[in-house]
Amino acid sequence: MDSELLSLFEEHVRIGKGLPPQSADHMLIAYAYYKQSVVGDNVHQRPVHSDVIRTFKHDAWVRLKGTSKEDAMRGYIAHIQMLVELSKEEGRLG
């Protein structure tokens, strides 16, 4: 794995943790890219329907099945950069 990409990914994980609250959709996308980056394909069974949050997270991650960890890292980085810009535009980030 490219050490420069890994460093950039880790930096954006820290940036993401410092962002103001985001919409559920944006958080699910970030979650899915993060999990695909760190774990790879989701091999877990879909949670029962009564646990809506876990089900949404599972489904978001499954959509990235087959995406390489490196491509998922690039997706995560791009998504966090977009969230930074969006938060600035909305006046929620300096």
Protein backbone atom coordinates (compact mmCIF):
# COMPACT_ATOMS: atom_id res chain seq x y z
CA MET A 1 0.00 0.00 0.00
CA ASP A 2 1.16 3.51 -0.81
CA SER A 3 2.44 5.07 2.44
CA GLU A 4 1.62 8.58 1.19
CA LEU A 5 -2.01 7.58 0.58
CA LEU A 6 -2.21 5.94 4.01
CA SER A 7 -0.84 9.09 5.69
CA LEU A 8 -3.31 11.28 3.80
CA PHE A 9 -6.15 8.92 4.75
CA GLU A 10 -5.18 9.01 8.44
CA GLU A 11 -4.99 12.81 8.30
CA HIS A 12 -8.51 12.98 6.84
CA VAL A 13 -9.81 10.60 9.51
CA ARG A 14 -8.59 13.14 12.09
CA ILE A 15 -10.13 16.00 10.09
CA GLY A 16 -13.42 14.10 9.82
CA LYS A 17 -13.58 13.59 13.58
CA GLY A 18 -13.26 17.35 14.06
CA LEU A 19 -16.03 18.35 11.67
CA PRO A 20 -19.32 19.75 12.94
CA PRO A 21 -22.30 17.36 12.82
CA GLN A 22 -23.22 16.30 9.29
CA SER A 23 -26.37 14.94 7.67
CA ALA A 24 -27.10 11.24 8.08
CA ASP A 25 -26.51 10.66 4.36
CA HIS A 26 -23.05 12.25 4.49
CA MET A 27 -22.18 10.29 7.62
CA LEU A 28 -23.24 7.00 6.02
CA ILE A 29 -21.06 7.68 2.99
CA ALA A 30 -18.06 8.50 5.18
CA TYR A 31 -18.71 5.39 7.31
CA ALA A 32 -18.89 3.13 4.27
CA TYR A 33 -15.67 4.47 2.74
CA TYR A 34 -13.92 4.21 6.10
CA LYS A 35 -14.98 0.61 6.71
CA GLN A 36 -14.09 -0.42 3.14
CA SER A 37 -10.70 1.28 3.56
CA VAL A 38 -9.87 -0.41 6.83
CA VAL A 39 -11.64 -3.78 6.63
CA GLY A 40 -12.43 -4.41 2.97
CA ASP A 41 -15.66 -6.01 1.76
CA ASN A 42 -18.51 -6.38 4.25
CA VAL A 43 -19.02 -10.10 4.82
CA HIS A 44 -21.48 -9.74 7.71
CA GLN A 45 -25.14 -10.69 7.55
CA ARG A 46 -27.62 -7.83 7.22
CA PRO A 47 -28.92 -6.79 10.67
CA VAL A 48 -32.55 -7.32 11.54
CA HIS A 49 -34.88 -4.59 10.35
CA SER A 50 -35.66 -3.41 13.88
CA ASP A 51 -32.13 -1.98 14.14
CA VAL A 52 -32.47 0.70 11.48
CA ILE A 53 -29.15 2.49 12.07
CA ARG A 54 -27.08 -0.70 11.87
CA THR A 55 -29.02 -1.75 8.78
CA PHE A 56 -28.36 1.57 7.03
CA LYS A 57 -24.66 1.39 7.91
CA HIS A 58 -24.46 -2.21 6.68
CA ASP A 59 -26.20 -1.38 3.40
CA ALA A 60 -23.99 1.67 2.76
CA TRP A 61 -20.87 -0.43 3.27
CA VAL A 62 -22.15 -3.30 1.08
CA ARG A 63 -22.56 -0.86 -1.82
CA LEU A 64 -18.77 -0.56 -1.95
CA LYS A 65 -18.24 -4.31 -2.33
CA GLY A 66 -15.33 -4.98 -4.66
CA THR A 67 -13.81 -1.52 -4.17
CA SER A 68 -10.12 -1.79 -3.32
CA LYS A 69 -8.96 -0.43 0.02
CA GLU A 70 -6.87 2.16 -1.82
CA ASP A 71 -9.81 3.38 -3.93
CA ALA A 72 -11.97 3.49 -0.80
CA MET A 73 -9.32 5.62 0.91
CA ARG A 74 -9.35 8.00 -2.05
CA GLY A 75 -13.15 8.13 -1.86
CA TYR A 76 -13.03 8.83 1.87
CA ILE A 77 -10.47 11.61 1.43
CA ALA A 78 -12.54 13.24 -1.34
CA HIS A 79 -15.73 12.96 0.72
CA ILE A 80 -14.15 14.55 3.81
CA GLN A 81 -12.71 17.35 1.65
CA MET A 82 -16.21 17.97 0.28
CA LEU A 83 -17.65 18.03 3.81
CA VAL A 84 -15.00 20.55 4.90
CA GLU A 85 -15.92 22.82 2.01
CA LEU A 86 -19.64 22.39 2.64
CA SER A 87 -19.21 23.18 6.32
CA LYS A 88 -17.24 26.32 5.45
CA GLU A 89 -19.91 27.45 2.97
CA GLU A 90 -22.57 26.96 5.63
CA GLY A 91 -20.53 28.97 8.14
CA ARG A 92 -20.12 25.99 10.47
CA LEU A 93 -16.35 25.79 10.09
CA GLY A 94 -13.77 28.55 10.21
